[in-house]
Structures are given as C-alpha cells and as structure tokens.
Amino acid sequence: MTALVGTILLPIGLGLLGFVEPCSIGATLVMVKVLEGQSPARQCAQMGLFAATRAGFIGLAGALAAGLGTAFLGFQRAGWLLLGVVYAGLGALFLLGMAGRLMVAVGPGLRRVGAARGSAFLGVLLGLNIPACAAPLIFVLLGAAAAAGVTGGTALDGFATLALFGLSLSLPLILAVLFAPTRRAVDHVARWSARAPVWTGLVLIALGLWSIGFALFATIKP
C-alpha cells in the first residue's frame, strides 16, 4: 500500500494539484493560445512531444535522486524524518503565502515558445517549460525518490514516479488543446486557482506528518 501511494497516487495527485496552481494555469492558457488555429495533426504531434519530453525530463531527475539515495543505506528513518519536517515546513510556507521564493521556472520562457515554428521543436520547448509553481512539488517528489532509494527503491522507480508527475502535470493541458469542452473547463478552473496554494499547503503538511509517522513507527527491512 505504501508503494502504491508513493509511486502512483502521490505523483498523480501532486501533478494535478500543480496544474491548478495560479502560475501553472496562467501558463496553460498562454500555451493553448499558441496552438490555436493549427491543424489537429500538428496539435497532436506537438502535444505528444510535449507530454513525452516533460515526463522524460522530470523522470530523469527522479532516477538520479533514487540512485543517490542508495548511497545512504542505514539512514532510512533519519531520511524520512527529515523529509517529513521539510514537507511540513513547505506546507506552512504555502499557507502563510510565503512560498513565492521557492517558485523557480525551469526551461525556455513562453516568449521563446511562442516564437517557435516547427511542430517538433515547439513540442519539445513546451515539454521543457516547467511552471514555477511546480518546483516545490518536484522537490517533494525528488526527496521521496531519494528516500525510496535509501529503503531499496531503484532508479527506475524514481524515474517512473517523477515521470508520472510530469504526465499528470501536463495531462489537463493536452486535453485543453485537443478538446473544446476541456478548454472551457480549464477557464472555469482558472477562476478559483487562487485558492490552490491553501490546498497545496494542507496536502504538504499532511504528507509531512505521514512521513514523520513512517519514520517513527514503520518496520523497515534491512
């Protein structure tokens, strides 16, 4: 059950939560406009590359984190305890409206994306553009991947976890570009996205308490 939560449910949930964060939803609306008016075939090609590039790019970071975690075997409980404190601290920053300093965009800016012409090139640029709001959530999952490496997880597990996060972060944008009803739904989500940091803070605090509890009470096999 713990593996299911950490490897599948957690990255999917955080990816969708990262999508509705204010800066993410704003970037989504811009990207939707960039692709408007293009043929369905070009949109599908760009979105396919977009999803694959973002999932692979973030997944490689997860593989690296899990690989590094194996160097610290014997520190399982300390690692999960430290991560729990970090998660709870990040959650508190979100609730207090102080998380802005942690939000750093990764990849090419949207101006460069808008200037791209080739279908493949545009798809890759979109995939490498990771919104700033997602940075703290990626940090959370990188920590979890490293901790999983400490407890026996592999680099492939780390890659899968972060790639799944990247796919979940991208999925609503893919649907918004390809289907008109989804675009209207994204517009509705944008109206209440300002509340997302509060939910993010609560989720991170809950995750921190779970990690601390895991460190203190779980039975970890050598």
Foldseek 3Di string as FASTA:
>chain_A
DVLCCLQPVLLLVLLLLLCLAQQNLVVLVLVLVLCPPDDLVLLVLLLVLLLVLQLQVLLLLQLVLLVLLLVDAPCLLVLLLVLLVVLLVCLVCLQVVNCVVQFDWFADDVVVLSPDDDSNVSSNRNNRTDGRSCRVVSVSSSSSSSSVSNLPDHSNSRSSRRSSSSNSNSVLSSCLNNDVVSVVVSVVSSVPSNCSSNVSSVVSNVSSVVSNCCSVDPDRDD
